[in-house]
PDB file of all heavy atoms in Angstrom:
ATOM      1  N   GLU A   1       0.806  -1.212   0.012  1.00  0.00           N
ATOM      2  CA  GLU A   1      -0.054   0.009   0.014  1.00  0.00           C
ATOM      3  C   GLU A   1       0.838   1.247   0.015  1.00  0.00           C
ATOM      4  O   GLU A   1       0.427   2.331  -0.494  1.00  0.00           O
ATOM      5  CB  GLU A   1      -0.929   0.026   1.174  1.00  0.00           C
ATOM      6  CG  GLU A   1      -2.003  -1.025   1.147  1.00  0.00           C
ATOM      7  CD  GLU A   1      -2.872  -0.973   2.364  1.00  0.00           C
ATOM      8  OE1 GLU A   1      -2.799  -0.088   3.210  1.00  0.00           O
ATOM      9  OE2 GLU A   1      -3.697  -1.976   2.542  1.00  0.00           O
ATOM     10  N   ARG A   2       2.057   1.182   0.545  1.00  0.00           N
ATOM     11  CA  ARG A   2       2.930   2.352   0.608  1.00  0.00           C
ATOM     12  C   ARG A   2       3.826   2.453  -0.609  1.00  0.00           C
ATOM     13  O   ARG A   2       4.713   3.275  -0.690  1.00  0.00           O
ATOM     14  CB  ARG A   2       3.833   2.193   1.865  1.00  0.00           C
ATOM     15  CG  ARG A   2       3.012   2.376   3.116  1.00  0.00           C
ATOM     16  CD  ARG A   2       3.896   2.374   4.330  1.00  0.00           C
ATOM     17  NE  ARG A   2       3.113   2.538   5.505  1.00  0.00           N
ATOM     18  CZ  ARG A   2       3.616   2.710   6.720  1.00  0.00           C
ATOM     19  NH1 ARG A   2       4.955   2.729   6.816  1.00  0.00           N
ATOM     20  NH2 ARG A   2       2.860   2.870   7.730  1.00  0.00           N
ATOM     21  N   GLY A   3       3.630   1.548  -1.552  1.00  0.00           N
ATOM     22  CA  GLY A   3       4.417   1.587  -2.830  1.00  0.00           C
ATOM     23  C   GLY A   3       5.717   0.903  -2.770  1.00  0.00           C
ATOM     24  O   GLY A   3       6.543   1.063  -3.703  1.00  0.00           O
ATOM     25  N   ARG A   4       5.925   0.084  -1.729  1.00  0.00           N
ATOM     26  CA  ARG A   4       7.217  -0.653  -1.653  1.00  0.00           C
ATOM     27  C   ARG A   4       7.096  -1.977  -2.416  1.00  0.00           C
ATOM     28  O   ARG A   4       6.098  -2.724  -2.236  1.00  0.00           O
ATOM     29  CB  ARG A   4       7.478  -0.898  -0.191  1.00  0.00           C
ATOM     30  CG  ARG A   4       8.804  -1.556   0.053  1.00  0.00           C
ATOM     31  CD  ARG A   4       9.110  -1.714   1.548  1.00  0.00           C
ATOM     32  NE  ARG A   4      10.380  -2.317   1.700  1.00  0.00           N
ATOM     33  CZ  ARG A   4      11.397  -1.755   2.348  1.00  0.00           C
ATOM     34  NH1 ARG A   4      11.237  -0.605   2.919  1.00  0.00           N
ATOM     35  NH2 ARG A   4      12.525  -2.400   2.476  1.00  0.00           N
ATOM     36  N   LEU A   5       8.200  -2.271  -3.143  1.00  0.00           N
ATOM     37  CA  LEU A   5       8.180  -3.513  -3.914  1.00  0.00           C
ATOM     38  C   LEU A   5       8.308  -4.698  -2.954  1.00  0.00           C
ATOM     39  O   LEU A   5       9.223  -4.742  -2.109  1.00  0.00           O
ATOM     40  CB  LEU A   5       9.370  -3.534  -4.901  1.00  0.00           C
ATOM     41  CG  LEU A   5       9.503  -4.754  -5.745  1.00  0.00           C
ATOM     42  CD1 LEU A   5       8.336  -4.950  -6.664  1.00  0.00           C
ATOM     43  CD2 LEU A   5      10.868  -4.725  -6.495  1.00  0.00           C
ATOM     44  N   ILE A   6       7.443  -5.606  -3.064  1.00  0.00           N
ATOM     45  CA  ILE A   6       7.411  -6.842  -2.261  1.00  0.00           C
ATOM     46  C   ILE A   6       8.037  -8.031  -3.059  1.00  0.00           C
ATOM     47  O   ILE A   6       8.765  -8.858  -2.496  1.00  0.00           O
ATOM     48  CB  ILE A   6       6.004  -7.249  -1.777  1.00  0.00           C
ATOM     49  CG1 ILE A   6       5.429  -6.075  -0.913  1.00  0.00           C
ATOM     50  CG2 ILE A   6       5.983  -8.587  -1.074  1.00  0.00           C
ATOM     51  CD1 ILE A   6       3.946  -6.261  -0.576  1.00  0.00           C
ATOM     52  N   GLY A   7       7.726  -8.122  -4.330  1.00  0.00           N
ATOM     53  CA  GLY A   7       8.204  -9.220  -5.165  1.00  0.00           C
ATOM     54  C   GLY A   7       7.692  -9.036  -6.569  1.00  0.00           C
ATOM     55  O   GLY A   7       7.069  -8.037  -6.883  1.00  0.00           O
ATOM     56  N   VAL A   8       7.932 -10.063  -7.388  1.00  0.00           N
ATOM     57  CA  VAL A   8       7.494 -10.016  -8.738  1.00  0.00           C
ATOM     58  C   VAL A   8       6.847 -11.366  -9.078  1.00  0.00           C
ATOM     59  O   VAL A   8       7.413 -12.440  -8.785  1.00  0.00           O
ATOM     60  CB  VAL A   8       8.624  -9.831  -9.700  1.00  0.00           C
ATOM     61  CG1 VAL A   8       8.200  -9.840 -11.170  1.00  0.00           C
ATOM     62  CG2 VAL A   8       9.336  -8.454  -9.428  1.00  0.00           C
ATOM     63  N   LEU A   9       5.638 -11.339  -9.629  1.00  0.00           N
ATOM     64  CA  LEU A   9       4.967 -12.512 -10.050  1.00  0.00           C
ATOM     65  C   LEU A   9       5.300 -12.857 -11.497  1.00  0.00           C
ATOM     66  O   LEU A   9       5.362 -11.942 -12.310  1.00  0.00           O
ATOM     67  CB  LEU A   9       3.443 -12.322  -9.950  1.00  0.00           C
ATOM     68  CG  LEU A   9       2.822 -12.248  -8.604  1.00  0.00           C
ATOM     69  CD1 LEU A   9       1.351 -11.884  -8.685  1.00  0.00           C
ATOM     70  CD2 LEU A   9       2.995 -13.580  -7.871  1.00  0.00           C
ATOM     71  N   GLU A  10       5.479 -14.081 -11.782  1.00  0.00           N
ATOM     72  CA  GLU A  10       5.713 -14.549 -13.161  1.00  0.00           C
ATOM     73  C   GLU A  10       4.487 -15.393 -13.602  1.00  0.00           C
ATOM     74  O   GLU A  10       3.968 -16.189 -12.799  1.00  0.00           O
ATOM     75  CB  GLU A  10       6.999 -15.354 -13.272  1.00  0.00           C
ATOM     76  CG  GLU A  10       7.328 -15.741 -14.678  1.00  0.00           C
ATOM     77  CD  GLU A  10       8.629 -16.457 -14.785  1.00  0.00           C
ATOM     78  OE1 GLU A  10       9.502 -16.336 -13.834  1.00  0.00           O
ATOM     79  OE2 GLU A  10       8.870 -17.158 -15.769  1.00  0.00           O
ATOM     80  N   ASP A  11       4.097 -15.239 -14.855  1.00  0.00           N
ATOM     81  CA  ASP A  11       2.949 -15.978 -15.317  1.00  0.00           C
ATOM     82  C   ASP A  11       3.079 -17.468 -15.081  1.00  0.00           C
ATOM     83  O   ASP A  11       2.146 -18.141 -14.733  1.00  0.00           O
ATOM     84  CB  ASP A  11       2.637 -15.647 -16.772  1.00  0.00           C
ATOM     85  CG  ASP A  11       3.716 -16.041 -17.751  1.00  0.00           C
ATOM     86  OD1 ASP A  11       4.834 -16.376 -17.288  1.00  0.00           O
ATOM     87  OD2 ASP A  11       3.464 -15.952 -18.982  1.00  0.00           O
ATOM     88  N   GLY A  12       4.317 -18.007 -15.298  1.00  0.00           N
ATOM     89  CA  GLY A  12       4.466 -19.456 -15.116  1.00  0.00           C
ATOM     90  C   GLY A  12       4.182 -19.904 -13.707  1.00  0.00           C
ATOM     91  O   GLY A  12       3.682 -21.016 -13.497  1.00  0.00           O
ATOM     92  N   ASP A  13       4.466 -19.074 -12.715  1.00  0.00           N
ATOM     93  CA  ASP A  13       4.195 -19.439 -11.325  1.00  0.00           C
ATOM     94  C   ASP A  13       2.704 -19.443 -11.108  1.00  0.00           C
ATOM     95  O   ASP A  13       2.231 -20.357 -10.380  1.00  0.00           O
ATOM     96  CB  ASP A  13       4.819 -18.407 -10.358  1.00  0.00           C
ATOM     97  CG  ASP A  13       6.352 -18.410 -10.431  1.00  0.00           C
ATOM     98  OD1 ASP A  13       6.939 -19.481 -10.770  1.00  0.00           O
ATOM     99  OD2 ASP A  13       6.956 -17.393 -10.158  1.00  0.00           O
ATOM    100  N   LEU A  14       1.995 -18.586 -11.723  1.00  0.00           N
ATOM    101  CA  LEU A  14       0.563 -18.501 -11.549  1.00  0.00           C
ATOM    102  C   LEU A  14      -0.105 -19.642 -12.314  1.00  0.00           C
ATOM    103  O   LEU A  14      -1.093 -20.194 -11.853  1.00  0.00           O
ATOM    104  CB  LEU A  14      -0.007 -17.141 -11.976  1.00  0.00           C
ATOM    105  CG  LEU A  14       0.468 -16.006 -11.092  1.00  0.00           C
ATOM    106  CD1 LEU A  14       0.023 -14.648 -11.701  1.00  0.00           C
ATOM    107  CD2 LEU A  14      -0.072 -16.121  -9.683  1.00  0.00           C
ATOM    108  N   PHE A  15       0.427 -19.999 -13.478  1.00  0.00           N
ATOM    109  CA  PHE A  15      -0.105 -21.116 -14.285  1.00  0.00           C
ATOM    110  C   PHE A  15       0.061 -22.402 -13.447  1.00  0.00           C
ATOM    111  O   PHE A  15      -0.839 -23.282 -13.500  1.00  0.00           O
ATOM    112  CB  PHE A  15       0.586 -21.311 -15.573  1.00  0.00           C
ATOM    113  CG  PHE A  15       0.119 -20.346 -16.634  1.00  0.00           C
ATOM    114  CD1 PHE A  15       0.952 -19.485 -17.250  1.00  0.00           C
ATOM    115  CD2 PHE A  15      -1.234 -20.366 -17.073  1.00  0.00           C
ATOM    116  CE1 PHE A  15       0.528 -18.588 -18.220  1.00  0.00           C
ATOM    117  CE2 PHE A  15      -1.687 -19.518 -18.051  1.00  0.00           C
ATOM    118  CZ  PHE A  15      -0.794 -18.620 -18.617  1.00  0.00           C
ATOM    119  N   ALA A  16       1.177 -22.570 -12.734  1.00  0.00           N
ATOM    120  CA  ALA A  16       1.447 -23.776 -11.971  1.00  0.00           C
ATOM    121  C   ALA A  16       0.323 -24.011 -10.950  1.00  0.00           C
ATOM    122  O   ALA A  16       0.008 -25.148 -10.594  1.00  0.00           O
ATOM    123  CB  ALA A  16       2.764 -23.671 -11.334  1.00  0.00           C
ATOM    124  N   GLY A  17      -0.239 -22.954 -10.392  1.00  0.00           N
ATOM    125  CA  GLY A  17      -1.309 -23.058  -9.449  1.00  0.00           C
ATOM    126  C   GLY A  17      -2.660 -23.299 -10.053  1.00  0.00           C
ATOM    127  O   GLY A  17      -3.614 -23.546  -9.378  1.00  0.00           O
ATOM    128  N   GLN A  18      -2.731 -23.323 -11.389  1.00  0.00           N
ATOM    129  CA  GLN A  18      -3.990 -23.495 -12.118  1.00  0.00           C
ATOM    130  C   GLN A  18      -3.824 -24.617 -13.174  1.00  0.00           C
ATOM    131  O   GLN A  18      -4.108 -24.433 -14.320  1.00  0.00           O
ATOM    132  CB  GLN A  18      -4.408 -22.221 -12.896  1.00  0.00           C
ATOM    133  CG  GLN A  18      -4.433 -20.969 -12.004  1.00  0.00           C
ATOM    134  CD  GLN A  18      -5.610 -20.986 -11.058  1.00  0.00           C
ATOM    135  OE1 GLN A  18      -6.644 -21.580 -11.358  1.00  0.00           O
ATOM    136  NE2 GLN A  18      -5.486 -20.332  -9.950  1.00  0.00           N
ATOM    137  N   PRO A  19      -3.322 -25.805 -12.803  1.00  0.00           N
ATOM    138  CA  PRO A  19      -3.006 -26.776 -13.793  1.00  0.00           C
ATOM    139  C   PRO A  19      -4.130 -27.345 -14.613  1.00  0.00           C
ATOM    140  O   PRO A  19      -3.951 -27.723 -15.756  1.00  0.00           O
ATOM    141  CB  PRO A  19      -2.346 -27.913 -12.952  1.00  0.00           C
ATOM    142  CG  PRO A  19      -2.936 -27.792 -11.609  1.00  0.00           C
ATOM    143  CD  PRO A  19      -3.180 -26.308 -11.378  1.00  0.00           C
ATOM    144  N   ARG A  20      -5.332 -27.276 -14.081  1.00  0.00           N
ATOM    145  CA  ARG A  20      -6.439 -27.835 -14.916  1.00  0.00           C
ATOM    146  C   ARG A  20      -7.482 -26.788 -15.231  1.00  0.00           C
ATOM    147  O   ARG A  20      -8.617 -27.072 -15.534  1.00  0.00           O
ATOM    148  CB  ARG A  20      -7.095 -29.019 -14.102  1.00  0.00           C
ATOM    149  CG  ARG A  20      -6.133 -30.119 -13.937  1.00  0.00           C
ATOM    150  CD  ARG A  20      -6.790 -31.345 -13.475  1.00  0.00           C
ATOM    151  NE  ARG A  20      -5.778 -32.360 -13.450  1.00  0.00           N
ATOM    152  CZ  ARG A  20      -5.998 -33.596 -13.120  1.00  0.00           C
ATOM    153  NH1 ARG A  20      -7.140 -33.928 -12.724  1.00  0.00           N
ATOM    154  NH2 ARG A  20      -5.030 -34.462 -13.143  1.00  0.00           N
ATOM    155  N   SER A  21      -7.054 -25.559 -15.252  1.00  0.00           N
ATOM    156  CA  SER A  21      -7.965 -24.502 -15.528  1.00  0.00           C
ATOM    157  C   SER A  21      -7.895 -24.114 -16.972  1.00  0.00           C
ATOM    158  O   SER A  21      -7.008 -24.486 -17.708  1.00  0.00           O
ATOM    159  CB  SER A  21      -7.711 -23.299 -14.607  1.00  0.00           C
ATOM    160  OG  SER A  21      -6.499 -22.697 -15.051  1.00  0.00           O
ATOM    161  N   TRP A  22      -8.755 -23.219 -17.361  1.00  0.00           N
ATOM    162  CA  TRP A  22      -8.719 -22.669 -18.721  1.00  0.00           C
ATOM    163  C   TRP A  22      -7.531 -21.782 -18.935  1.00  0.00           C
ATOM    164  O   TRP A  22      -7.131 -21.533 -20.066  1.00  0.00           O
ATOM    165  CB  TRP A  22     -10.063 -21.952 -19.055  1.00  0.00           C
ATOM    166  CG  TRP A  22     -10.348 -20.722 -18.255  1.00  0.00           C
ATOM    167  CD1 TRP A  22     -10.958 -20.732 -17.009  1.00  0.00           C
ATOM    168  CD2 TRP A  22      -9.987 -19.385 -18.584  1.00  0.00           C
ATOM    169  NE1 TRP A  22     -10.993 -19.442 -16.599  1.00  0.00           N
ATOM    170  CE2 TRP A  22     -10.451 -18.595 -17.478  1.00  0.00           C
ATOM    171  CE3 TRP A  22      -9.348 -18.792 -19.660  1.00  0.00           C
ATOM    172  CZ2 TRP A  22     -10.300 -17.225 -17.481  1.00  0.00           C
ATOM    173  CZ3 TRP A  22      -9.199 -17.429 -19.640  1.00  0.00           C
ATOM    174  CH2 TRP A  22      -9.692 -16.617 -18.575  1.00  0.00           C
ATOM    175  N   PHE A  23      -6.888 -21.293 -17.886  1.00  0.00           N
ATOM    176  CA  PHE A  23      -5.680 -20.493 -17.991  1.00  0.00           C
ATOM    177  C   PHE A  23      -4.584 -21.317 -18.732  1.00  0.00           C
ATOM    178  O   PHE A  23      -3.901 -20.823 -19.622  1.00  0.00           O
ATOM    179  CB  PHE A  23      -5.145 -19.983 -16.682  1.00  0.00           C
ATOM    180  CG  PHE A  23      -6.050 -19.044 -15.978  1.00  0.00           C
ATOM    181  CD1 PHE A  23      -6.594 -19.370 -14.722  1.00  0.00           C
ATOM    182  CD2 PHE A  23      -6.361 -17.832 -16.496  1.00  0.00           C
ATOM    183  CE1 PHE A  23      -7.441 -18.554 -14.113  1.00  0.00           C
ATOM    184  CE2 PHE A  23      -7.235 -16.944 -15.897  1.00  0.00           C
ATOM    185  CZ  PHE A  23      -7.748 -17.275 -14.627  1.00  0.00           C
ATOM    186  N   GLY A  24      -4.383 -22.485 -18.250  1.00  0.00           N
ATOM    187  CA  GLY A  24      -3.344 -23.387 -18.885  1.00  0.00           C
ATOM    188  C   GLY A  24      -3.709 -23.674 -20.294  1.00  0.00           C
ATOM    189  O   GLY A  24      -2.814 -23.727 -21.117  1.00  0.00           O
ATOM    190  N   ALA A  25      -4.920 -23.968 -20.576  1.00  0.00           N
ATOM    191  CA  ALA A  25      -5.371 -24.233 -21.952  1.00  0.00           C
ATOM    192  C   ALA A  25      -5.112 -23.048 -22.862  1.00  0.00           C
ATOM    193  O   ALA A  25      -4.637 -23.200 -23.961  1.00  0.00           O
ATOM    194  CB  ALA A  25      -6.874 -24.635 -21.951  1.00  0.00           C
ATOM    195  N   ARG A  26      -5.438 -21.889 -22.354  1.00  0.00           N
ATOM    196  CA  ARG A  26      -5.212 -20.663 -23.125  1.00  0.00           C
ATOM    197  C   ARG A  26      -3.752 -20.478 -23.441  1.00  0.00           C
ATOM    198  O   ARG A  26      -3.384 -20.116 -24.549  1.00  0.00           O
ATOM    199  CB  ARG A  26      -5.758 -19.439 -22.397  1.00  0.00           C
ATOM    200  CG  ARG A  26      -5.630 -18.180 -23.175  1.00  0.00           C
ATOM    201  CD  ARG A  26      -6.290 -17.047 -22.506  1.00  0.00           C
ATOM    202  NE  ARG A  26      -5.944 -15.837 -23.240  1.00  0.00           N
ATOM    203  CZ  ARG A  26      -6.516 -14.723 -23.026  1.00  0.00           C
ATOM    204  NH1 ARG A  26      -7.433 -14.565 -22.120  1.00  0.00           N
ATOM    205  NH2 ARG A  26      -6.175 -13.585 -23.723  1.00  0.00           N
ATOM    206  N   ARG A  27      -2.912 -20.680 -22.458  1.00  0.00           N
ATOM    207  CA  ARG A  27      -1.469 -20.534 -22.658  1.00  0.00           C
ATOM    208  C   ARG A  27      -0.962 -21.534 -23.687  1.00  0.00           C
ATOM    209  O   ARG A  27      -0.179 -21.156 -24.612  1.00  0.00           O
ATOM    210  CB  ARG A  27      -0.750 -20.695 -21.336  1.00  0.00           C
ATOM    211  CG  ARG A  27       0.789 -20.540 -21.451  1.00  0.00           C
ATOM    212  CD  ARG A  27       1.434 -20.723 -20.137  1.00  0.00           C
ATOM    213  NE  ARG A  27       2.802 -20.290 -20.212  1.00  0.00           N
ATOM    214  CZ  ARG A  27       3.717 -20.501 -19.249  1.00  0.00           C
ATOM    215  NH1 ARG A  27       3.324 -21.119 -18.135  1.00  0.00           N
ATOM    216  NH2 ARG A  27       4.914 -20.126 -19.342  1.00  0.00           N
ATOM    217  N   THR A  28      -1.412 -22.794 -23.647  1.00  0.00           N
ATOM    218  CA  THR A  28      -0.930 -23.795 -24.540  1.00  0.00           C
ATOM    219  C   THR A  28      -1.462 -23.478 -25.959  1.00  0.00           C
ATOM    220  O   THR A  28      -0.674 -23.630 -26.942  1.00  0.00           O
ATOM    221  CB  THR A  28      -1.474 -25.220 -24.093  1.00  0.00           C
ATOM    222  OG1 THR A  28      -1.048 -25.396 -22.736  1.00  0.00           O
ATOM    223  CG2 THR A  28      -0.918 -26.284 -25.000  1.00  0.00           C
ATOM    224  N   ILE A  29      -2.633 -23.032 -26.088  1.00  0.00           N
ATOM    225  CA  ILE A  29      -3.150 -22.611 -27.427  1.00  0.00           C
ATOM    226  C   ILE A  29      -2.350 -21.443 -27.970  1.00  0.00           C
ATOM    227  O   ILE A  29      -1.993 -21.510 -29.160  1.00  0.00           O
ATOM    228  CB  ILE A  29      -4.627 -22.193 -27.299  1.00  0.00           C
ATOM    229  CG1 ILE A  29      -5.512 -23.468 -27.010  1.00  0.00           C
ATOM    230  CG2 ILE A  29      -5.136 -21.458 -28.546  1.00  0.00           C
ATOM    231  CD1 ILE A  29      -6.954 -23.168 -26.624  1.00  0.00           C
ATOM    232  N   ALA A  30      -2.061 -20.513 -27.152  1.00  0.00           N
ATOM    233  CA  ALA A  30      -1.276 -19.356 -27.624  1.00  0.00           C
ATOM    234  C   ALA A  30       0.151 -19.760 -28.066  1.00  0.00           C
ATOM    235  O   ALA A  30       0.696 -19.080 -28.940  1.00  0.00           O
ATOM    236  CB  ALA A  30      -1.189 -18.271 -26.519  1.00  0.00           C
ATOM    237  N   ARG A  31       0.672 -20.729 -27.455  1.00  0.00           N
ATOM    238  CA  ARG A  31       2.029 -21.186 -27.813  1.00  0.00           C
ATOM    239  C   ARG A  31       2.089 -22.155 -28.976  1.00  0.00           C
ATOM    240  O   ARG A  31       3.218 -22.512 -29.421  1.00  0.00           O
ATOM    241  CB  ARG A  31       2.740 -21.797 -26.587  1.00  0.00           C
ATOM    242  CG  ARG A  31       2.998 -20.750 -25.560  1.00  0.00           C
ATOM    243  CD  ARG A  31       3.836 -21.394 -24.409  1.00  0.00           C
ATOM    244  NE  ARG A  31       4.262 -20.320 -23.532  1.00  0.00           N
ATOM    245  CZ  ARG A  31       4.995 -20.567 -22.431  1.00  0.00           C
ATOM    246  NH1 ARG A  31       5.317 -21.772 -22.106  1.00  0.00           N
ATOM    247  NH2 ARG A  31       5.387 -19.553 -21.724  1.00  0.00           N
ATOM    248  N   ALA A  32       0.969 -22.637 -29.442  1.00  0.00           N
ATOM    249  CA  ALA A  32       0.957 -23.540 -30.566  1.00  0.00           C
ATOM    250  C   ALA A  32       1.652 -22.931 -31.763  1.00  0.00           C
ATOM    251  O   ALA A  32       1.271 -21.801 -32.151  1.00  0.00           O
ATOM    252  CB  ALA A  32      -0.436 -24.004 -30.856  1.00  0.00           C
TER     253      ALA A  32
END
């Protein structure tokens, strides 16, 4: 809230938490 950097999220980390979701399917389709 104070504007201090806590960390950086990477899409791959978030995809790993959604292995059977449409997010993973969308990523795979985009990479075809």
